[in-house]
Amino acid sequence: MTKQVDEFEEYCSKLDDETFNNACLIFGIISDISLEDFSSNLYNSKYKKYKQEFKHIVDFLNDRNITKN
């Protein structure tokens, strides 16, 4: 599990601040868990769907930024 956590942390570290902050804000609004619970349980396999959800939010934001320009 540690490898998966490291991969997700690496993924997040590559995001620019604006995208990361906006994704966290949206995630906090639409998810049924808090960001604190999510970040402290990254190693837990039950939270895999939340990692995927977070990545979908980032993809949405990146697509939106491309079409905005």
Protein backbone atom coordinates (compact mmCIF):
# COMPACT_ATOMS: atom_id res chain seq x y z
CA MET A 1 0.00 0.00 0.00
CA THR A 2 2.86 2.40 0.69
CA LYS A 3 3.77 2.44 -3.00
CA GLN A 4 0.23 3.52 -3.92
CA VAL A 5 0.33 6.28 -1.31
CA ASP A 6 3.71 7.46 -2.60
CA GLU A 7 2.38 7.50 -6.16
CA PHE A 8 -0.63 9.59 -5.13
CA GLU A 9 1.52 12.00 -3.12
CA GLU A 10 3.86 12.33 -6.10
CA TYR A 11 0.85 12.98 -8.35
CA CYS A 12 -0.36 15.73 -6.02
CA SER A 13 3.10 17.28 -5.73
CA LYS A 14 3.21 17.77 -9.51
CA LEU A 15 0.03 19.87 -9.51
CA ASP A 16 0.30 23.63 -9.55
CA ASP A 17 -0.97 25.36 -6.40
CA GLU A 18 -4.13 26.75 -7.98
CA THR A 19 -5.23 23.40 -9.39
CA PHE A 20 -4.44 21.56 -6.17
CA ASN A 21 -6.27 24.11 -3.99
CA ASN A 22 -9.33 24.17 -6.27
CA ALA A 23 -9.42 20.37 -6.42
CA CYS A 24 -9.26 20.21 -2.60
CA LEU A 25 -12.07 22.74 -2.32
CA ILE A 26 -14.32 20.86 -4.76
CA PHE A 27 -13.44 17.51 -3.18
CA GLY A 28 -14.38 18.87 0.24
CA ILE A 29 -17.76 20.02 -1.06
CA ILE A 30 -18.84 16.96 -3.06
CA SER A 31 -17.27 14.10 -1.10
CA ASP A 32 -18.86 12.38 1.82
CA ILE A 33 -15.62 12.53 3.87
CA SER A 34 -13.47 15.40 5.06
CA LEU A 35 -10.10 16.20 3.55
CA GLU A 36 -8.52 15.40 6.92
CA ASP A 37 -10.00 11.89 6.93
CA PHE A 38 -8.98 11.40 3.33
CA SER A 39 -5.39 12.55 3.76
CA SER A 40 -4.84 10.57 6.96
CA ASN A 41 -6.21 7.36 5.42
CA LEU A 42 -4.47 7.27 2.05
CA TYR A 43 -2.98 3.87 2.89
CA ASN A 44 -6.43 2.36 3.45
CA SER A 45 -7.76 0.45 0.42
CA LYS A 46 -11.31 1.64 1.21
CA TYR A 47 -10.17 5.13 0.22
CA LYS A 48 -9.07 4.16 -3.29
CA LYS A 49 -12.31 5.51 -4.76
CA TYR A 50 -11.56 8.90 -3.19
CA LYS A 51 -8.14 9.04 -4.83
CA GLN A 52 -9.82 8.33 -8.16
CA GLU A 53 -12.46 10.96 -7.45
CA PHE A 54 -9.75 13.52 -6.65
CA LYS A 55 -7.97 12.73 -9.92
CA HIS A 56 -11.25 13.12 -11.85
CA ILE A 57 -11.69 16.57 -10.29
CA VAL A 58 -8.16 17.54 -11.34
CA ASP A 59 -8.86 16.26 -14.88
CA PHE A 60 -12.04 18.34 -14.97
CA LEU A 61 -10.18 21.44 -13.83
CA ASN A 62 -7.41 20.90 -16.37
CA ASP A 63 -9.91 20.39 -19.19
CA ARG A 64 -11.72 23.54 -18.11
CA ASN A 65 -8.46 25.52 -18.17
CA ILE A 66 -7.68 24.32 -21.70
CA THR A 67 -11.08 25.28 -23.07
CA LYS A 68 -10.99 28.62 -21.22
CA ASN A 69 -7.89 29.79 -23.14
